[in-house]
Amino acid sequence: MDIAGSIPASRRANGRVATVVVNSFLFKHPVFVGDLLSCYADVVKTGNTSVTVYIEV
């Protein structure tokens, strides 16, 4: 999920980014070894030196 969130953030920043904080994880169903996951990420807010990204898996 860190990689999924960094892709739209780095596109918005036009450069390198670093994850500073993760606000929460909400687990609705278990994920097992071998499961195929899809990650969707959107930029929610852009500040002067920060980007907030929402990720849904």
N, C-alpha and C. Protein backbone atom coordinates (compact mmCIF):
# COMPACT_ATOMS: atom_id res chain seq x y z
N MET A 1 0.81 -1.17 0.00
CA MET A 1 0.00 0.00 0.00
C MET A 1 0.87 1.25 0.00
N ASP A 2 2.05 1.14 0.55
CA ASP A 2 2.97 2.28 0.55
C ASP A 2 3.36 2.63 -0.88
N ILE A 3 3.63 1.62 -1.68
CA ILE A 3 4.00 1.85 -3.08
C ILE A 3 2.81 2.41 -3.86
N ALA A 4 1.61 1.87 -3.61
CA ALA A 4 0.41 2.35 -4.31
C ALA A 4 0.16 3.82 -3.99
N GLY A 5 0.39 4.23 -2.76
CA GLY A 5 0.20 5.63 -2.38
C GLY A 5 1.28 6.55 -2.90
N SER A 6 2.48 6.00 -3.09
CA SER A 6 3.57 6.87 -3.53
C SER A 6 3.48 7.21 -5.01
N ILE A 7 2.80 6.41 -5.80
CA ILE A 7 2.73 6.66 -7.25
C ILE A 7 1.99 7.97 -7.57
N PRO A 8 0.74 8.16 -7.11
CA PRO A 8 0.10 9.46 -7.42
C PRO A 8 0.76 10.63 -6.69
N ALA A 9 1.33 10.38 -5.51
CA ALA A 9 2.01 11.47 -4.77
C ALA A 9 3.25 11.94 -5.53
N SER A 10 4.03 11.01 -6.05
CA SER A 10 5.25 11.40 -6.78
C SER A 10 4.90 12.06 -8.11
N ARG A 11 3.79 11.66 -8.71
CA ARG A 11 3.35 12.34 -9.94
C ARG A 11 2.95 13.78 -9.64
N ARG A 12 2.24 13.98 -8.52
CA ARG A 12 1.81 15.34 -8.15
C ARG A 12 3.01 16.19 -7.77
N ALA A 13 4.00 15.59 -7.08
CA ALA A 13 5.17 16.33 -6.62
C ALA A 13 6.22 16.50 -7.71
N ASN A 14 6.08 15.76 -8.79
CA ASN A 14 7.08 15.77 -9.87
C ASN A 14 8.46 15.42 -9.34
N GLY A 15 8.51 14.44 -8.43
CA GLY A 15 9.79 14.04 -7.86
C GLY A 15 9.62 12.98 -6.80
N ARG A 16 10.61 12.89 -5.94
CA ARG A 16 10.63 11.87 -4.91
C ARG A 16 9.75 12.26 -3.73
N VAL A 17 9.17 11.24 -3.09
CA VAL A 17 8.32 11.46 -1.91
C VAL A 17 8.70 10.45 -0.83
N ALA A 18 8.28 10.74 0.39
CA ALA A 18 8.50 9.82 1.52
C ALA A 18 7.22 9.75 2.35
N THR A 19 6.91 8.55 2.83
CA THR A 19 5.74 8.37 3.69
C THR A 19 6.11 8.82 5.09
N VAL A 20 5.30 9.73 5.65
CA VAL A 20 5.56 10.25 6.98
C VAL A 20 4.65 9.58 8.00
N VAL A 21 3.38 9.43 7.67
CA VAL A 21 2.42 8.87 8.62
C VAL A 21 1.32 8.11 7.87
N VAL A 22 0.83 7.07 8.51
CA VAL A 22 -0.35 6.35 8.05
C VAL A 22 -1.42 6.56 9.12
N ASN A 23 -2.55 7.16 8.74
CA ASN A 23 -3.58 7.49 9.72
C ASN A 23 -4.33 6.27 10.22
N SER A 24 -4.71 5.36 9.34
CA SER A 24 -5.48 4.21 9.81
C SER A 24 -5.51 3.12 8.75
N PHE A 25 -5.74 1.91 9.22
CA PHE A 25 -6.02 0.75 8.39
C PHE A 25 -7.35 0.19 8.85
N LEU A 26 -8.23 -0.12 7.92
CA LEU A 26 -9.50 -0.73 8.25
C LEU A 26 -9.59 -2.05 7.49
N PHE A 27 -9.47 -3.16 8.22
CA PHE A 27 -9.49 -4.48 7.61
C PHE A 27 -10.92 -5.02 7.63
N LYS A 28 -11.52 -5.24 6.45
CA LYS A 28 -12.88 -5.74 6.36
C LYS A 28 -12.92 -7.25 6.14
N HIS A 29 -11.92 -7.77 5.42
CA HIS A 29 -11.84 -9.20 5.13
C HIS A 29 -10.38 -9.63 5.20
N PRO A 30 -10.13 -10.88 5.56
CA PRO A 30 -8.75 -11.36 5.58
C PRO A 30 -8.18 -11.50 4.16
N VAL A 31 -6.87 -11.35 4.06
CA VAL A 31 -6.16 -11.56 2.80
C VAL A 31 -5.23 -12.74 3.00
N PHE A 32 -5.30 -13.68 2.10
CA PHE A 32 -4.51 -14.91 2.22
C PHE A 32 -3.37 -14.91 1.21
N VAL A 33 -2.35 -15.69 1.49
CA VAL A 33 -1.22 -15.84 0.57
C VAL A 33 -1.74 -16.37 -0.75
N GLY A 34 -1.35 -15.71 -1.83
CA GLY A 34 -1.80 -16.12 -3.15
C GLY A 34 -2.98 -15.32 -3.67
N ASP A 35 -3.62 -14.50 -2.81
CA ASP A 35 -4.73 -13.66 -3.25
C ASP A 35 -4.23 -12.55 -4.15
N LEU A 36 -5.03 -12.17 -5.12
CA LEU A 36 -4.72 -11.07 -6.02
C LEU A 36 -5.44 -9.82 -5.53
N LEU A 37 -4.69 -8.73 -5.32
CA LEU A 37 -5.26 -7.49 -4.81
C LEU A 37 -5.16 -6.38 -5.84
N SER A 38 -6.13 -5.49 -5.82
CA SER A 38 -6.08 -4.29 -6.65
C SER A 38 -6.02 -3.09 -5.71
N CYS A 39 -5.11 -2.16 -5.99
CA CYS A 39 -4.95 -0.96 -5.17
C CYS A 39 -5.34 0.26 -5.99
N TYR A 40 -6.21 1.10 -5.41
CA TYR A 40 -6.65 2.32 -6.05
C TYR A 40 -6.25 3.49 -5.15
N ALA A 41 -5.58 4.47 -5.71
CA ALA A 41 -5.09 5.60 -4.91
C ALA A 41 -5.45 6.91 -5.58
N ASP A 42 -5.89 7.86 -4.77
CA ASP A 42 -6.24 9.20 -5.26
C ASP A 42 -5.63 10.25 -4.35
N VAL A 43 -5.18 11.34 -4.94
CA VAL A 43 -4.69 12.47 -4.16
C VAL A 43 -5.91 13.22 -3.64
N VAL A 44 -5.99 13.36 -2.31
CA VAL A 44 -7.13 14.00 -1.67
C VAL A 44 -6.85 15.48 -1.44
N LYS A 45 -5.64 15.79 -0.98
CA LYS A 45 -5.30 17.17 -0.63
C LYS A 45 -3.83 17.42 -0.92
N THR A 46 -3.52 18.62 -1.38
CA THR A 46 -2.14 19.01 -1.63
C THR A 46 -1.84 20.27 -0.84
N GLY A 47 -0.80 20.21 -0.01
CA GLY A 47 -0.35 21.38 0.74
C GLY A 47 0.92 21.93 0.14
N ASN A 48 1.58 22.83 0.86
CA ASN A 48 2.84 23.40 0.37
C ASN A 48 3.95 22.36 0.34
N THR A 49 4.00 21.51 1.36
CA THR A 49 5.06 20.50 1.45
C THR A 49 4.50 19.12 1.73
N SER A 50 3.20 18.91 1.51
CA SER A 50 2.61 17.62 1.81
C SER A 50 1.54 17.24 0.79
N VAL A 51 1.31 15.95 0.69
CA VAL A 51 0.27 15.41 -0.19
C VAL A 51 -0.48 14.34 0.60
N THR A 52 -1.80 14.43 0.65
CA THR A 52 -2.62 13.43 1.31
C THR A 52 -3.21 12.51 0.27
N VAL A 53 -3.01 11.20 0.44
CA VAL A 53 -3.45 10.22 -0.55
C VAL A 53 -4.41 9.25 0.12
N TYR A 54 -5.55 8.96 -0.54
CA TYR A 54 -6.50 7.96 -0.08
C TYR A 54 -6.27 6.69 -0.89
N ILE A 55 -6.12 5.56 -0.20
CA ILE A 55 -5.86 4.28 -0.87
C ILE A 55 -6.95 3.29 -0.50
N GLU A 56 -7.49 2.64 -1.51
CA GLU A 56 -8.48 1.58 -1.30
C GLU A 56 -7.94 0.31 -1.95
N VAL A 57 -8.00 -0.78 -1.21
CA VAL A 57 -7.48 -2.06 -1.72
C VAL A 57 -8.61 -3.05 -1.80
